[in-house]
Amino acid sequence: MDSIEVFIEKFTGAVDFQNQITIEANSDLHSMPEWDSLAALGVIVMFSMEYNKTITGENLRKCQTVADLHKLSA
């Protein structure tokens, strides 16, 4: 399992934010300006490519923070 810092780097790349924002473990996904269906798809692909894990939209809906997503990578 990657450290939270490495996970955040991968998450940031997967979401491809247009404007730089500060992301921490406790950052609320739903308050991020670009957290939408395209960002969610990027995260699903990231999990498949980086962690060899299949996650679904339902998994993402249950996550409130970046730390919640990080737990799914374990």
N, C-alpha and C. Protein backbone atom coordinates (compact mmCIF):
# COMPACT_ATOMS: atom_id res chain seq x y z
N MET A 1 0.86 -1.19 0.00
CA MET A 1 0.00 0.00 0.00
C MET A 1 0.89 1.24 0.00
N ASP A 2 0.57 2.15 -0.89
CA ASP A 2 1.31 3.41 -0.96
C ASP A 2 1.04 4.25 0.28
N SER A 3 1.99 5.11 0.61
CA SER A 3 1.75 6.09 1.66
C SER A 3 0.66 7.04 1.17
N ILE A 4 0.06 7.76 2.08
CA ILE A 4 -0.99 8.70 1.71
C ILE A 4 -0.43 9.79 0.79
N GLU A 5 0.82 10.18 1.00
CA GLU A 5 1.43 11.21 0.16
C GLU A 5 1.56 10.74 -1.30
N VAL A 6 2.02 9.51 -1.48
CA VAL A 6 2.14 8.94 -2.83
C VAL A 6 0.76 8.77 -3.44
N PHE A 7 -0.19 8.32 -2.65
CA PHE A 7 -1.55 8.15 -3.15
C PHE A 7 -2.12 9.49 -3.62
N ILE A 8 -1.89 10.54 -2.86
CA ILE A 8 -2.39 11.87 -3.23
C ILE A 8 -1.77 12.32 -4.56
N GLU A 9 -0.49 12.04 -4.77
CA GLU A 9 0.15 12.38 -6.05
C GLU A 9 -0.55 11.66 -7.20
N LYS A 10 -0.80 10.38 -7.03
CA LYS A 10 -1.47 9.60 -8.07
C LYS A 10 -2.90 10.08 -8.27
N PHE A 11 -3.59 10.38 -7.18
CA PHE A 11 -4.96 10.88 -7.25
C PHE A 11 -5.01 12.20 -8.01
N THR A 12 -4.09 13.09 -7.70
CA THR A 12 -4.03 14.39 -8.36
C THR A 12 -3.84 14.23 -9.87
N GLY A 13 -2.98 13.31 -10.26
CA GLY A 13 -2.77 13.04 -11.68
C GLY A 13 -3.99 12.42 -12.34
N ALA A 14 -4.66 11.54 -11.62
CA ALA A 14 -5.83 10.85 -12.17
C ALA A 14 -7.00 11.81 -12.39
N VAL A 15 -7.16 12.75 -11.48
CA VAL A 15 -8.27 13.70 -11.58
C VAL A 15 -7.93 14.81 -12.58
N ASP A 16 -6.65 15.14 -12.72
CA ASP A 16 -6.19 16.15 -13.67
C ASP A 16 -6.88 17.50 -13.41
N PHE A 17 -6.66 18.02 -12.21
CA PHE A 17 -7.22 19.31 -11.82
C PHE A 17 -6.70 20.41 -12.74
N GLN A 18 -7.57 21.28 -13.20
CA GLN A 18 -7.17 22.39 -14.06
C GLN A 18 -6.46 23.48 -13.27
N ASN A 19 -6.90 23.69 -12.05
CA ASN A 19 -6.26 24.66 -11.16
C ASN A 19 -5.67 23.91 -9.99
N GLN A 20 -4.47 24.29 -9.60
CA GLN A 20 -3.80 23.61 -8.50
C GLN A 20 -4.55 23.85 -7.20
N ILE A 21 -4.81 22.77 -6.48
CA ILE A 21 -5.45 22.88 -5.17
C ILE A 21 -4.63 22.06 -4.18
N THR A 22 -4.78 22.38 -2.92
CA THR A 22 -4.09 21.63 -1.87
C THR A 22 -4.97 20.46 -1.49
N ILE A 23 -4.39 19.27 -1.56
CA ILE A 23 -5.12 18.06 -1.23
C ILE A 23 -4.42 17.39 -0.07
N GLU A 24 -5.20 17.08 0.96
CA GLU A 24 -4.69 16.38 2.13
C GLU A 24 -5.56 15.15 2.36
N ALA A 25 -5.14 14.32 3.28
CA ALA A 25 -5.88 13.08 3.56
C ALA A 25 -7.33 13.36 3.93
N ASN A 26 -7.57 14.43 4.68
CA ASN A 26 -8.93 14.72 5.13
C ASN A 26 -9.70 15.64 4.19
N SER A 27 -9.16 15.88 3.00
CA SER A 27 -9.87 16.72 2.03
C SER A 27 -11.18 16.05 1.60
N ASP A 28 -12.24 16.83 1.62
CA ASP A 28 -13.57 16.34 1.25
C ASP A 28 -13.67 16.27 -0.27
N LEU A 29 -13.91 15.09 -0.78
CA LEU A 29 -14.00 14.90 -2.23
C LEU A 29 -15.07 15.78 -2.85
N HIS A 30 -16.21 15.87 -2.21
CA HIS A 30 -17.36 16.56 -2.78
C HIS A 30 -17.22 18.08 -2.76
N SER A 31 -16.23 18.58 -2.04
CA SER A 31 -16.00 20.03 -2.05
C SER A 31 -14.94 20.43 -3.07
N MET A 32 -14.32 19.43 -3.72
CA MET A 32 -13.33 19.73 -4.75
C MET A 32 -14.05 20.23 -6.00
N PRO A 33 -13.58 21.33 -6.56
CA PRO A 33 -14.29 21.94 -7.68
C PRO A 33 -14.43 21.04 -8.91
N GLU A 34 -13.54 20.11 -9.11
CA GLU A 34 -13.58 19.28 -10.32
C GLU A 34 -13.94 17.83 -10.03
N TRP A 35 -14.49 17.56 -8.85
CA TRP A 35 -14.89 16.20 -8.53
C TRP A 35 -16.22 15.94 -9.22
N ASP A 36 -16.16 15.25 -10.35
CA ASP A 36 -17.35 14.96 -11.13
C ASP A 36 -17.21 13.56 -11.73
N SER A 37 -18.08 13.21 -12.65
CA SER A 37 -18.06 11.85 -13.20
C SER A 37 -16.78 11.57 -13.97
N LEU A 38 -16.21 12.57 -14.63
CA LEU A 38 -14.96 12.36 -15.34
C LEU A 38 -13.80 12.13 -14.37
N ALA A 39 -13.78 12.87 -13.27
CA ALA A 39 -12.77 12.66 -12.24
C ALA A 39 -12.91 11.27 -11.63
N ALA A 40 -14.14 10.86 -11.38
CA ALA A 40 -14.39 9.53 -10.81
C ALA A 40 -13.89 8.45 -11.76
N LEU A 41 -14.12 8.63 -13.04
CA LEU A 41 -13.63 7.66 -14.03
C LEU A 41 -12.11 7.60 -13.99
N GLY A 42 -11.47 8.74 -13.88
CA GLY A 42 -10.01 8.77 -13.77
C GLY A 42 -9.51 8.00 -12.56
N VAL A 43 -10.21 8.12 -11.45
CA VAL A 43 -9.83 7.41 -10.23
C VAL A 43 -10.06 5.91 -10.40
N ILE A 44 -11.14 5.53 -11.04
CA ILE A 44 -11.41 4.10 -11.30
C ILE A 44 -10.29 3.51 -12.15
N VAL A 45 -9.87 4.24 -13.18
CA VAL A 45 -8.76 3.79 -14.03
C VAL A 45 -7.47 3.72 -13.24
N MET A 46 -7.22 4.72 -12.39
CA MET A 46 -6.02 4.72 -11.55
C MET A 46 -5.97 3.47 -10.68
N PHE A 47 -7.09 3.12 -10.06
CA PHE A 47 -7.12 1.94 -9.20
C PHE A 47 -6.80 0.68 -10.01
N SER A 48 -7.31 0.61 -11.21
CA SER A 48 -7.06 -0.54 -12.07
C SER A 48 -5.60 -0.62 -12.47
N MET A 49 -5.03 0.49 -12.91
CA MET A 49 -3.66 0.52 -13.43
C MET A 49 -2.61 0.47 -12.32
N GLU A 50 -2.80 1.25 -11.27
CA GLU A 50 -1.78 1.38 -10.23
C GLU A 50 -1.88 0.32 -9.14
N TYR A 51 -3.11 -0.12 -8.84
CA TYR A 51 -3.30 -1.02 -7.70
C TYR A 51 -3.88 -2.37 -8.08
N ASN A 52 -4.17 -2.55 -9.39
CA ASN A 52 -4.75 -3.80 -9.87
C ASN A 52 -6.03 -4.15 -9.09
N LYS A 53 -6.83 -3.11 -8.84
CA LYS A 53 -8.08 -3.27 -8.11
C LYS A 53 -9.23 -2.71 -8.93
N THR A 54 -10.35 -3.37 -8.83
CA THR A 54 -11.55 -2.89 -9.50
C THR A 54 -12.44 -2.22 -8.46
N ILE A 55 -12.72 -0.94 -8.70
CA ILE A 55 -13.67 -0.24 -7.84
C ILE A 55 -14.81 0.26 -8.71
N THR A 56 -15.91 0.54 -8.09
CA THR A 56 -17.12 0.96 -8.82
C THR A 56 -17.55 2.34 -8.37
N GLY A 57 -18.52 2.86 -9.09
CA GLY A 57 -19.11 4.12 -8.67
C GLY A 57 -19.70 4.04 -7.28
N GLU A 58 -20.23 2.90 -6.94
CA GLU A 58 -20.78 2.70 -5.58
C GLU A 58 -19.68 2.83 -4.53
N ASN A 59 -18.50 2.25 -4.81
CA ASN A 59 -17.37 2.40 -3.89
C ASN A 59 -17.05 3.88 -3.70
N LEU A 60 -17.03 4.61 -4.80
CA LEU A 60 -16.69 6.03 -4.74
C LEU A 60 -17.74 6.83 -3.99
N ARG A 61 -19.00 6.50 -4.18
CA ARG A 61 -20.08 7.23 -3.48
C ARG A 61 -19.97 7.09 -1.97
N LYS A 62 -19.41 5.99 -1.51
CA LYS A 62 -19.27 5.76 -0.07
C LYS A 62 -18.09 6.53 0.53
N CYS A 63 -17.22 7.04 -0.31
CA CYS A 63 -16.03 7.76 0.16
C CYS A 63 -16.35 9.24 0.32
N GLN A 64 -15.95 9.79 1.45
CA GLN A 64 -16.14 11.21 1.71
C GLN A 64 -14.82 11.98 1.56
N THR A 65 -13.71 11.33 1.90
CA THR A 65 -12.42 12.01 1.91
C THR A 65 -11.40 11.25 1.06
N VAL A 66 -10.28 11.90 0.82
CA VAL A 66 -9.19 11.24 0.10
C VAL A 66 -8.68 10.05 0.90
N ALA A 67 -8.68 10.16 2.22
CA ALA A 67 -8.25 9.03 3.07
C ALA A 67 -9.17 7.83 2.88
N ASP A 68 -10.45 8.06 2.69
CA ASP A 68 -11.39 6.97 2.43
C ASP A 68 -11.01 6.24 1.14
N LEU A 69 -10.66 7.00 0.11
CA LEU A 69 -10.21 6.39 -1.15
C LEU A 69 -8.92 5.61 -0.93
N HIS A 70 -8.02 6.19 -0.18
CA HIS A 70 -6.72 5.56 0.10
C HIS A 70 -6.92 4.19 0.74
N LYS A 71 -7.88 4.07 1.62
CA LYS A 71 -8.16 2.78 2.28
C LYS A 71 -8.57 1.72 1.26
N LEU A 72 -9.23 2.14 0.18
CA LEU A 72 -9.65 1.17 -0.84
C LEU A 72 -8.45 0.60 -1.59
N SER A 73 -7.33 1.29 -1.57
CA SER A 73 -6.15 0.83 -2.30
C SER A 73 -5.40 -0.28 -1.57
N ALA A 74 -5.76 -0.52 -0.33
CA ALA A 74 -5.05 -1.54 0.48
C ALA A 74 -5.35 -2.94 0.00
